Amino acid sequence: MKEKIITAEELAKDMREISVAEFFERNKHFLGYENPTKGLLTVVKEAVDNSLEFSTEAGILPEVKIKVKQITEDRFKVLVEDNGPGIVKEQLPRAFAKVLYGSRFHTLKQSRSLFGIGIKGACLYSQLTTGKPIKVESSSGKGPTHIFELMIDVAKNEPKIISHATKENPSGWRGIKIEMEVEGRYISGGHSISNYLKQTAMANPFAKISFDGPDGKIVFKRVTRKLPPRPKEIKPHPYGVEIGILRRMLAATKAKNIVAFLNTEFSRVGKRSAQQMCKKARIEFDRKPQSLTMEESEKLYKAVKATKLMAPPTNCLSPLGEELLIEGLKKETGAEHVVAVTRTPTVYKGHPFEVEVALGYGGSLPEESALLFRFANKVPLFYHQGDCVITEAVKEVDWHRYGISQSKGQLPGGPLAILVHFASVWVPFTSEGKQAIACYPEILKEIKLALQDAGRELARYIRKKAKLRESMLRREIFERYSIVVAESLAELTEKDREDILKKLLAYSKSNLQREDRKSD
């Protein structure tokens, strides 16, 4: 029997719009909620990232408290409290329960949060796995504290306020407290919450982080009270703008003519450069931006790319700096010696970025294989290590040159810790889960150069340590046989054995010290 052909009209009846919240509810793995273990960790991660982001932006030394309490075998209550600036009550429901709502997406400056998904994804995961609302308490330090119970209306992608209450705040407490119940699995070691917090403390040595979990309490103390420089917002650089975005900017601009548009909407475009672009595109200087045809906008786009411009400004970045890198890595790994390198900022696709590297050697580091710590905008990249440009760059470096063992195409051997921090206004993550950085040639090259710079510095220490070990071994051998030599010389010369032995040891010490000074 011949099957009935379905008509376009019948197919159209099933078509409907879906909200972004509904999409992520059905595809939670895109946000990092792939399994119960990763789900619990991701909830903590998003809350901690939020706390650190807004505290440091406000110029406040962060203090974050995390508590994970097991309720049943597969259910946990997560509480995170910070001392940040808080959120005003009018914005709070959307800040926590409206996906893609945030203040970072449209700004070009270094930021932990880019997409406006993070903490909303945690809220979505909570209500999806337990059906319960999240509880958020906020205060700016003035007036009463506001307490909301929130859920997300996934069909509309809008916050659903279950309850709102206020309470007096006589102590002047300031910050955010968030509480949610989620499905999860708690583990120790490896990809555990405590390990994630340890790495977070490594890249944020100015923060105090307290964790109270099923295994007990642990505190990561701050090792400095110095915050990194605050990044400044910049305008987009023409080299980083694609034609579709250029057309949208032309339609939305308030500039009265095309020269003013290029001069005011972009960084590093002066009046002369703007006029040069218009001449190349054969567009009159006084044309209104909105009047350009599709063909003219394409000509302008090509003219922009063909015009030589300065690289974008780099005050939009907030690197940790070599001092903080050394303090953070040494504190959390117990390495006996740490070197750090902060490269000069450079650009990929019109976006400024900066690479920082710290190498730790010896001490309590394991001998078997190097420990690799990957960071993007001070946030640990915990999963998908093999897909990341950082891992690729580390493997491509010839570590033998620096006195470190390495099998072909593999990570180097120990005792070595490698920390790589990638700072940018736009991190090219391989997925919404933000766990690996895409392999752009410019980024790969810059990471390799940073690793090589740090490797050369570390090699000097390794060589010096090897020479010192050899020197000590020679001294031990000389001293071992000095007693026999002193006894033989005493018999031959009929002089005091102890006097001969003292002179032999003094000569040994003097000669070896001279060799050590030469090697330095």
Protein backbone atom coordinates (compact mmCIF):
# COMPACT_ATOMS: atom_id res chain seq x y z
CA MET A 1 0.00 0.00 0.00
CA LYS A 2 1.40 3.36 -1.06
CA GLU A 3 2.17 5.74 1.82
CA LYS A 4 0.43 9.10 1.88
CA ILE A 5 2.59 12.06 0.86
CA ILE A 6 2.72 14.69 3.59
CA THR A 7 2.12 18.19 2.26
CA ALA A 8 4.11 21.35 3.08
CA GLU A 9 0.99 22.75 4.77
CA GLU A 10 0.81 19.74 7.10
CA LEU A 11 4.53 20.02 7.93
CA ALA A 12 4.11 23.71 8.68
CA LYS A 13 1.58 22.90 11.43
CA ASP A 14 4.37 21.28 13.51
CA MET A 15 6.75 24.21 13.22
CA ARG A 16 7.10 26.51 16.21
CA GLU A 17 9.67 28.72 17.82
CA ILE A 18 11.68 27.37 20.75
CA SER A 19 13.37 29.47 23.40
CA VAL A 20 17.08 29.30 24.07
CA ALA A 21 16.33 28.05 27.60
CA GLU A 22 14.28 25.17 26.17
CA PHE A 23 17.11 24.33 23.76
CA PHE A 24 19.70 24.10 26.54
CA GLU A 25 17.28 22.19 28.77
CA ARG A 26 17.23 19.44 26.14
CA ASN A 27 20.93 19.77 25.37
CA LYS A 28 22.46 20.30 28.80
CA HIS A 29 25.68 18.55 27.73
CA PHE A 30 26.53 21.65 25.66
CA LEU A 31 26.92 23.56 28.93
CA GLY A 32 29.09 20.96 30.65
CA TYR A 33 26.35 18.88 32.33
CA GLU A 34 27.31 15.65 30.58
CA ASN A 35 27.10 13.34 33.61
CA PRO A 36 26.38 13.60 37.37
CA THR A 37 30.07 14.04 38.31
CA LYS A 38 30.68 16.83 35.83
CA GLY A 39 27.24 18.30 36.54
CA LEU A 40 27.96 18.85 40.24
CA LEU A 41 31.41 20.29 39.48
CA THR A 42 30.01 22.64 36.81
CA VAL A 43 27.39 24.05 39.20
CA VAL A 44 30.14 24.93 41.70
CA LYS A 45 32.39 26.27 38.94
CA GLU A 46 29.77 28.66 37.53
CA ALA A 47 28.91 30.06 40.96
CA VAL A 48 32.57 30.54 41.92
CA ASP A 49 33.41 32.15 38.55
CA ASN A 50 30.55 34.62 39.08
CA SER A 51 31.78 35.50 42.56
CA LEU A 52 35.39 36.07 41.49
CA GLU A 53 34.39 38.03 38.40
CA PHE A 54 32.22 40.63 40.08
CA SER A 55 34.34 40.95 43.22
CA THR A 56 37.55 41.72 41.31
CA GLU A 57 35.74 44.05 38.91
CA ALA A 58 34.48 46.02 41.92
CA GLY A 59 38.03 46.21 43.30
CA ILE A 60 37.18 43.91 46.23
CA LEU A 61 39.60 41.21 47.41
CA PRO A 62 37.44 38.10 46.87
CA GLU A 63 36.42 35.82 49.69
CA VAL A 64 34.33 32.88 48.50
CA LYS A 65 32.76 30.20 50.69
CA ILE A 66 31.51 26.96 49.14
CA LYS A 67 29.56 24.22 50.90
CA VAL A 68 28.47 20.95 49.28
CA LYS A 69 26.19 18.82 51.44
CA GLN A 70 25.08 15.34 50.44
CA ILE A 71 21.33 14.83 50.95
CA THR A 72 20.84 11.43 49.31
CA GLU A 73 23.06 9.11 47.31
CA ASP A 74 22.71 11.19 44.14
CA ARG A 75 21.45 14.56 45.40
CA PHE A 76 23.44 17.47 46.85
CA LYS A 77 22.79 20.92 48.24
CA VAL A 78 25.28 23.53 46.96
CA LEU A 79 25.77 26.83 48.77
CA VAL A 80 28.13 29.57 47.54
CA GLU A 81 28.64 32.91 49.30
CA ASP A 82 30.87 35.83 48.32
CA ASN A 83 31.73 39.33 49.54
CA GLY A 84 31.19 41.01 46.17
CA PRO A 85 29.15 44.13 45.34
CA GLY A 86 25.81 42.29 45.25
CA ILE A 87 23.09 42.76 42.59
CA VAL A 88 20.23 45.26 42.69
CA LYS A 89 16.83 43.63 43.22
CA GLU A 90 15.45 44.78 39.83
CA GLN A 91 18.18 42.91 37.93
CA LEU A 92 18.57 39.87 40.16
CA PRO A 93 15.80 37.60 38.74
CA ARG A 94 17.05 38.01 35.16
CA ALA A 95 20.72 37.76 36.18
CA PHE A 96 20.09 34.26 37.57
CA ALA A 97 17.09 32.97 35.61
CA LYS A 98 17.15 34.33 32.04
CA VAL A 99 19.54 32.54 29.68
CA LEU A 100 21.83 34.82 27.60
CA TYR A 101 21.03 37.80 29.84
CA GLY A 102 24.19 39.50 31.09
CA SER A 103 26.54 42.44 30.89
CA ARG A 104 29.60 40.84 29.28
CA PHE A 105 28.57 39.65 25.81
CA HIS A 106 28.60 43.07 24.13
CA THR A 107 31.74 44.38 25.85
CA LEU A 108 35.24 43.89 24.49
CA LYS A 109 37.36 43.38 27.56
CA GLN A 110 38.78 40.37 29.36
CA SER A 111 36.10 38.59 31.34
CA ARG A 112 35.47 35.17 32.91
CA SER A 113 31.88 35.12 31.68
CA LEU A 114 31.27 35.69 27.98
CA PHE A 115 27.94 34.27 26.92
CA GLY A 116 25.48 35.08 29.71
CA ILE A 117 24.82 31.37 30.23
CA GLY A 118 26.96 30.20 33.18
CA ILE A 119 24.96 30.60 36.37
CA LYS A 120 21.65 30.41 34.45
CA GLY A 121 22.74 27.01 33.15
CA ALA A 122 23.29 25.91 36.77
CA CYS A 123 19.78 27.15 37.65
CA LEU A 124 18.38 25.25 34.65
CA TYR A 125 20.24 22.07 35.66
CA SER A 126 18.95 22.38 39.22
CA GLN A 127 15.28 22.61 38.26
CA LEU A 128 15.68 19.95 35.56
CA THR A 129 17.19 17.35 37.91
CA THR A 130 15.36 18.15 41.17
CA GLY A 131 12.38 20.30 40.15
CA LYS A 132 13.27 22.79 42.88
CA PRO A 133 13.91 26.54 42.64
CA ILE A 134 17.24 28.18 43.45
CA LYS A 135 17.49 30.58 46.37
CA VAL A 136 19.47 33.80 45.96
CA GLU A 137 20.20 36.36 48.68
CA SER A 138 21.77 39.69 47.74
CA SER A 139 22.84 42.90 49.45
CA SER A 140 24.88 45.93 48.40
CA GLY A 141 25.68 46.62 52.06
CA LYS A 142 23.03 49.32 52.30
CA GLY A 143 19.39 48.77 53.18
CA PRO A 144 17.68 45.39 53.57
CA THR A 145 18.78 42.07 52.12
CA HIS A 146 16.65 40.70 49.26
CA ILE A 147 15.90 36.98 49.10
CA PHE A 148 14.47 35.42 45.92
CA GLU A 149 13.36 31.89 45.06
CA LEU A 150 13.64 31.55 41.29
CA MET A 151 12.95 29.14 38.46
CA ILE A 152 13.21 29.57 34.68
CA ASP A 153 10.10 29.55 32.48
CA VAL A 154 11.84 27.56 29.72
CA ALA A 155 9.10 28.14 27.13
CA LYS A 156 9.53 31.93 27.41
CA ASN A 157 13.13 32.09 28.71
CA GLU A 158 11.96 34.38 31.50
CA PRO A 159 12.51 34.25 35.27
CA LYS A 160 9.69 32.84 37.36
CA ILE A 161 9.71 34.41 40.83
CA ILE A 162 8.45 31.83 43.32
CA SER A 163 8.92 34.14 46.30
CA HIS A 164 10.57 37.43 47.26
CA ALA A 165 11.28 38.56 50.79
CA THR A 166 13.43 41.14 52.55
CA LYS A 167 15.16 41.13 55.90
CA GLU A 168 17.08 43.64 57.97
CA ASN A 169 20.84 43.80 57.52
CA PRO A 170 22.23 45.40 60.69
CA SER A 171 25.75 44.02 60.12
CA GLY A 172 26.01 45.68 56.71
CA TRP A 173 26.74 42.37 54.97
CA ARG A 174 27.44 42.73 51.27
CA GLY A 175 27.54 40.08 48.57
CA ILE A 176 25.62 37.16 47.09
CA LYS A 177 24.50 33.88 48.64
CA ILE A 178 23.19 31.25 46.26
CA GLU A 179 21.69 27.91 47.25
CA MET A 180 20.49 25.13 44.97
CA GLU A 181 19.77 21.43 45.07
CA VAL A 182 21.14 19.33 42.22
CA GLU A 183 21.61 15.79 41.08
CA GLY A 184 25.25 14.78 41.08
CA ARG A 185 28.06 12.48 42.12
CA TYR A 186 30.85 13.59 44.43
CA ILE A 187 34.38 12.27 43.86
CA SER A 188 37.82 12.87 45.34
CA GLY A 189 41.04 13.52 43.39
CA GLY A 190 41.13 13.79 39.59
CA HIS A 191 38.30 15.97 38.33
CA SER A 192 37.01 16.74 41.81
CA ILE A 193 35.63 19.99 43.20
CA SER A 194 38.58 20.37 45.59
CA ASN A 195 41.01 19.93 42.68
CA TYR A 196 39.14 22.54 40.64
CA LEU A 197 39.25 24.98 43.57
CA LYS A 198 42.98 24.29 44.01
CA GLN A 199 43.59 25.29 40.39
CA THR A 200 41.31 28.31 40.78
CA ALA A 201 43.39 29.43 43.77
CA MET A 202 46.53 28.92 41.66
CA ALA A 203 45.37 31.46 39.04
CA ASN A 204 43.68 33.73 41.59
CA PRO A 205 46.24 33.99 44.43
CA PHE A 206 44.57 37.22 45.63
CA ALA A 207 41.39 35.28 46.59
CA LYS A 208 40.54 33.39 49.77
CA ILE A 209 38.49 30.29 48.97
CA SER A 210 36.93 28.05 51.64
CA PHE A 211 35.40 24.68 50.81
CA ASP A 212 33.29 22.55 53.12
CA GLY A 213 32.55 19.24 51.40
CA PRO A 214 31.73 15.62 52.20
CA ASP A 215 35.48 14.97 52.73
CA GLY A 216 35.90 17.80 55.22
CA LYS A 217 36.98 21.43 55.16
CA ILE A 218 39.84 23.01 53.24
CA VAL A 219 40.92 26.65 52.94
CA PHE A 220 42.96 28.11 50.09
CA LYS A 221 44.48 31.22 51.63
CA ARG A 222 45.33 34.26 49.58
CA VAL A 223 49.06 34.84 49.15
CA THR A 224 48.80 38.45 48.01
CA ARG A 225 46.50 41.41 48.54
CA LYS A 226 47.37 42.82 45.13
CA LEU A 227 44.62 42.59 42.50
CA PRO A 228 45.51 42.36 38.79
CA PRO A 229 44.88 45.53 36.74
CA ARG A 230 41.25 46.10 35.77
CA PRO A 231 40.68 45.64 32.04
CA LYS A 232 39.29 48.60 30.06
CA GLU A 233 36.56 48.20 27.47
CA ILE A 234 37.65 48.82 23.89
CA LYS A 235 35.80 49.24 20.59
CA PRO A 236 35.98 46.45 18.00
CA HIS A 237 38.98 46.42 15.71
CA PRO A 238 38.10 46.41 11.98
CA TYR A 239 40.18 43.28 11.32
CA GLY A 240 37.97 41.31 13.73
CA VAL A 241 34.64 42.31 12.14
CA GLU A 242 32.97 40.15 9.52
CA ILE A 243 30.76 41.53 6.78
CA GLY A 244 27.46 40.55 8.43
CA ILE A 245 28.44 42.39 11.62
CA LEU A 246 29.64 45.41 9.59
CA ARG A 247 26.25 45.65 7.87
CA ARG A 248 24.45 45.47 11.22
CA MET A 249 26.71 48.20 12.62
CA LEU A 250 26.04 50.38 9.56
CA ALA A 251 22.30 50.04 10.11
CA ALA A 252 22.46 50.78 13.87
CA THR A 253 25.03 53.60 14.03
CA LYS A 254 24.17 57.17 15.02
CA ALA A 255 27.10 58.57 13.03
CA LYS A 256 26.00 61.07 10.38
CA ASN A 257 28.43 59.99 7.65
CA ILE A 258 30.58 57.03 6.74
CA VAL A 259 33.87 58.65 7.78
CA ALA A 260 32.47 59.45 11.24
CA PHE A 261 31.12 55.89 11.45
CA LEU A 262 34.54 54.32 10.80
CA ASN A 263 36.26 56.83 13.08
CA THR A 264 33.93 56.46 16.09
CA GLU A 265 32.70 52.84 15.98
CA PHE A 266 36.11 51.16 15.67
CA SER A 267 39.44 51.25 17.48
CA ARG A 268 42.62 52.32 15.68
CA VAL A 269 40.76 54.03 12.81
CA GLY A 270 41.64 57.72 12.51
CA LYS A 271 40.02 60.24 10.19
CA ARG A 272 42.74 59.83 7.56
CA SER A 273 42.46 56.01 7.64
CA ALA A 274 38.67 56.25 7.34
CA GLN A 275 38.96 58.51 4.29
CA GLN A 276 41.51 56.11 2.76
CA MET A 277 39.04 53.22 3.19
CA CYS A 278 36.25 55.25 1.53
CA LYS A 279 38.50 56.11 -1.42
CA LYS A 280 39.41 52.44 -1.93
CA ALA A 281 35.71 51.49 -1.81
CA ARG A 282 34.75 54.49 -4.01
CA ILE A 283 32.24 55.75 -1.45
CA GLU A 284 31.68 59.49 -0.83
CA PHE A 285 32.83 60.70 2.59
CA ASP A 286 29.46 62.30 3.45
CA ARG A 287 27.29 59.27 2.62
CA LYS A 288 24.95 58.18 5.40
CA PRO A 289 25.94 54.71 6.69
CA GLN A 290 22.37 53.43 6.37
CA SER A 291 22.27 54.39 2.67
CA LEU A 292 24.98 51.95 1.58
CA THR A 293 23.82 49.13 -0.66
CA MET A 294 24.87 45.51 -0.07
CA GLU A 295 27.38 45.82 -2.91
CA GLU A 296 28.85 49.03 -1.44
CA SER A 297 29.09 47.56 2.06
CA GLU A 298 31.01 44.59 0.62
CA LYS A 299 33.42 46.98 -1.14
CA LEU A 300 33.87 48.87 2.13
CA TYR A 301 34.53 45.60 3.97
CA LYS A 302 37.28 44.68 1.48
CA ALA A 303 38.75 48.20 1.69
CA VAL A 304 38.88 47.95 5.49
CA LYS A 305 40.81 44.67 5.30
CA ALA A 306 43.21 46.15 2.72
CA THR A 307 44.07 49.20 4.86
CA LYS A 308 47.06 48.99 7.17
CA LEU A 309 46.07 49.71 10.78
CA MET A 310 47.69 49.57 14.20
CA ALA A 311 46.93 46.54 16.35
CA PRO A 312 44.08 47.04 18.87
CA PRO A 313 44.90 48.49 22.30
CA THR A 314 45.81 45.96 24.99
CA ASN A 315 44.57 47.71 28.15
CA CYS A 316 41.45 45.55 27.68
CA LEU A 317 43.48 42.64 29.08
CA SER A 318 44.21 41.81 32.71
CA PRO A 319 47.16 39.41 32.90
CA LEU A 320 48.21 37.94 36.22
CA GLY A 321 51.84 38.98 35.85
CA GLU A 322 54.96 36.94 36.56
CA GLU A 323 55.00 37.61 40.30
CA LEU A 324 51.46 36.31 40.90
CA LEU A 325 52.05 33.33 38.59
CA ILE A 326 55.12 32.29 40.57
CA GLU A 327 53.38 32.72 43.93
CA GLY A 328 50.27 30.82 42.83
CA LEU A 329 52.07 27.85 41.26
CA LYS A 330 54.62 27.48 44.06
CA LYS A 331 51.94 27.59 46.77
CA GLU A 332 49.65 24.97 45.23
CA THR A 333 52.23 22.50 43.84
CA GLY A 334 55.13 22.66 46.30
CA ALA A 335 57.64 23.10 43.44
CA GLU A 336 61.16 23.97 44.64
CA HIS A 337 61.78 26.42 41.78
CA VAL A 338 59.33 28.36 39.58
CA VAL A 339 59.98 30.58 36.55
CA ALA A 340 57.34 32.69 34.78
CA VAL A 341 57.05 34.53 31.48
CA THR A 342 54.40 37.04 30.38
CA ARG A 343 54.53 37.59 26.62
CA THR A 344 53.83 40.90 24.90
CA PRO A 345 50.15 41.04 23.80
CA THR A 346 49.40 40.13 20.20
CA VAL A 347 46.32 39.68 17.96
CA TYR A 348 44.25 36.99 16.28
CA LYS A 349 41.36 37.95 13.97
CA GLY A 350 41.45 41.50 15.34
CA HIS A 351 41.15 40.32 18.96
CA PRO A 352 44.03 41.11 21.35
CA PHE A 353 45.33 38.27 23.50
CA GLU A 354 48.21 37.59 25.85
CA VAL A 355 49.90 34.36 26.89
CA GLU A 356 51.49 33.75 30.29
CA VAL A 357 53.45 30.67 31.30
CA ALA A 358 54.86 29.42 34.60
CA LEU A 359 57.05 26.32 34.97
CA GLY A 360 57.58 24.65 38.34
CA TYR A 361 60.36 22.11 38.91
CA GLY A 362 61.30 19.63 41.62
CA GLY A 363 60.06 19.67 45.18
CA SER A 364 56.98 17.53 45.74
CA LEU A 365 56.09 17.26 42.03
CA PRO A 366 55.67 13.71 40.69
CA GLU A 367 58.53 12.18 38.66
CA GLU A 368 56.37 10.22 36.19
CA SER A 369 54.85 12.97 34.04
CA ALA A 370 54.42 16.73 33.94
CA LEU A 371 51.32 18.30 35.47
CA LEU A 372 49.55 20.57 32.98
CA PHE A 373 47.34 23.41 34.22
CA ARG A 374 45.33 25.26 31.54
CA PHE A 375 43.59 28.57 32.17
CA ALA A 376 41.53 31.02 30.11
CA ASN A 377 40.89 34.44 31.68
CA LYS A 378 41.92 33.03 35.10
CA VAL A 379 39.42 30.13 34.88
CA PRO A 380 40.71 26.51 34.97
CA LEU A 381 40.05 24.41 31.86
CA PHE A 382 39.35 21.09 33.52
CA TYR A 383 38.12 18.80 30.74
CA HIS A 384 38.86 18.06 27.04
CA GLN A 385 42.61 18.50 27.51
CA GLY A 386 43.42 16.66 24.29
CA ASP A 387 41.28 19.05 22.21
CA CYS A 388 43.02 22.20 23.47
CA VAL A 389 45.61 24.33 21.67
CA ILE A 390 47.53 24.60 24.95
CA THR A 391 48.08 20.82 25.06
CA GLU A 392 49.10 20.81 21.40
CA ALA A 393 51.64 23.59 22.00
CA VAL A 394 53.14 21.79 25.02
CA LYS A 395 53.57 18.58 22.99
CA GLU A 396 55.22 20.42 20.08
CA VAL A 397 57.95 21.97 22.25
CA ASP A 398 61.24 20.00 22.30
CA TRP A 399 61.67 19.67 26.07
CA HIS A 400 64.93 17.73 25.74
CA ARG A 401 66.63 21.06 25.03
CA TYR A 402 65.80 22.17 28.54
CA GLY A 403 66.98 19.03 30.32
CA ILE A 404 63.51 17.45 30.61
CA SER A 405 62.59 13.99 29.33
CA GLN A 406 59.86 13.59 26.70
CA SER A 407 58.49 10.81 24.49
CA LYS A 408 57.68 11.85 20.92
CA GLY A 409 54.28 13.52 20.61
CA GLN A 410 53.62 13.31 24.36
CA LEU A 411 53.65 15.61 27.35
CA PRO A 412 57.11 15.98 28.97
CA GLY A 413 58.17 14.00 32.01
CA GLY A 414 58.43 15.18 35.62
CA PRO A 415 59.14 16.56 38.09
CA LEU A 416 57.54 19.45 36.17
CA ALA A 417 54.40 21.61 36.45
CA ILE A 418 53.30 23.65 33.42
CA LEU A 419 50.82 26.50 33.85
CA VAL A 420 49.54 28.30 30.74
CA HIS A 421 47.20 31.27 31.05
CA PHE A 422 45.44 32.58 27.92
CA ALA A 423 43.96 36.07 28.39
CA SER A 424 41.76 37.64 25.72
CA VAL A 425 38.66 39.74 25.09
CA TRP A 426 37.27 36.78 23.13
CA VAL A 427 38.41 33.24 23.91
CA PRO A 428 37.75 30.90 20.96
CA PHE A 429 36.38 27.96 22.95
CA THR A 430 35.66 24.75 21.05
CA SER A 431 32.18 24.48 22.65
CA GLU A 432 29.72 26.19 25.00
CA GLY A 433 31.19 24.12 27.84
CA LYS A 434 34.30 26.36 27.70
CA GLN A 435 36.83 23.60 28.44
CA ALA A 436 39.22 23.80 25.47
CA ILE A 437 40.63 26.56 23.25
CA ALA A 438 40.52 26.22 19.45
CA CYS A 439 43.82 25.73 17.60
CA TYR A 440 44.35 29.04 15.79
CA PRO A 441 47.88 29.23 14.30
CA GLU A 442 48.56 32.64 15.93
CA ILE A 443 47.61 31.29 19.36
CA LEU A 444 49.59 28.05 18.95
CA LYS A 445 52.69 29.99 17.92
CA GLU A 446 52.47 32.43 20.83
CA ILE A 447 51.99 29.67 23.44
CA LYS A 448 55.00 27.77 22.06
CA LEU A 449 57.16 30.91 22.19
CA ALA A 450 56.13 31.53 25.80
CA LEU A 451 56.91 27.92 26.76
CA GLN A 452 60.31 28.13 25.04
CA ASP A 453 61.13 31.43 26.80
CA ALA A 454 60.29 29.88 30.17
CA GLY A 455 62.05 26.62 29.23
CA ARG A 456 65.34 28.41 28.58
CA GLU A 457 65.14 30.11 31.96
CA LEU A 458 64.31 26.84 33.74
CA ALA A 459 67.14 25.02 31.91
CA ARG A 460 69.70 27.30 33.59
CA TYR A 461 68.41 26.19 36.99
CA ILE A 462 68.36 22.50 35.98
CA ARG A 463 71.96 22.69 34.66
CA LYS A 464 73.12 24.49 37.80
CA LYS A 465 71.42 21.88 39.96
CA ALA A 466 73.05 19.03 37.98
CA LYS A 467 76.50 20.62 38.34
CA LEU A 468 75.96 21.10 42.06
CA ARG A 469 74.98 17.42 42.36
CA GLU A 470 78.12 16.39 40.48
CA SER A 471 80.22 18.69 42.65
CA MET A 472 78.78 17.18 45.85
CA LEU A 473 79.42 13.67 44.52
CA ARG A 474 83.08 14.53 43.78
CA ARG A 475 83.46 16.02 47.25
CA GLU A 476 81.98 12.90 48.87
CA ILE A 477 84.41 10.66 46.90
CA PHE A 478 87.41 12.86 47.75
CA GLU A 479 86.49 12.98 51.44
CA ARG A 480 85.97 9.21 51.52
CA TYR A 481 89.50 8.55 50.24
CA SER A 482 91.13 11.49 52.09
CA ILE A 483 91.41 9.40 55.28
CA VAL A 484 93.34 6.63 53.47
CA VAL A 485 95.54 9.20 51.66
CA ALA A 486 96.24 11.06 54.94
CA GLU A 487 97.27 7.82 56.66
CA SER A 488 99.65 6.88 53.79
CA LEU A 489 101.18 10.39 53.65
CA ALA A 490 101.67 10.41 57.43
CA GLU A 491 103.65 7.15 57.21
CA LEU A 492 105.76 8.43 54.31
CA THR A 493 106.44 11.93 55.71
CA GLU A 494 106.25 11.09 59.44
CA LYS A 495 103.90 14.07 59.92
CA ASP A 496 100.67 14.34 61.90
CA ARG A 497 97.82 12.44 60.22
CA GLU A 498 95.07 14.82 61.46
CA ASP A 499 96.97 17.87 60.21
CA ILE A 500 97.34 16.30 56.75
CA LEU A 501 93.65 15.33 56.68
CA LYS A 502 92.58 18.89 57.64
CA LYS A 503 94.70 20.37 54.80
CA LEU A 504 93.32 17.88 52.26
CA LEU A 505 89.72 18.68 53.20
CA ALA A 506 90.40 22.44 53.11
CA TYR A 507 91.91 22.07 49.61
CA SER A 508 88.90 20.04 48.48
CA LYS A 509 86.44 22.65 49.77
CA SER A 510 88.37 25.58 48.24
CA ASN A 511 88.77 23.90 44.85
CA LEU A 512 85.12 22.85 44.58
CA GLN A 513 83.89 26.31 45.58
CA ARG A 514 86.04 27.81 42.82
CA GLU A 515 84.51 25.41 40.29
CA ASP A 516 81.00 26.30 41.50
CA ARG A 517 81.69 30.02 40.99
CA LYS A 518 82.91 29.34 37.43
CA SER A 519 79.74 27.38 36.61
CA ASP A 520 77.59 30.29 37.84
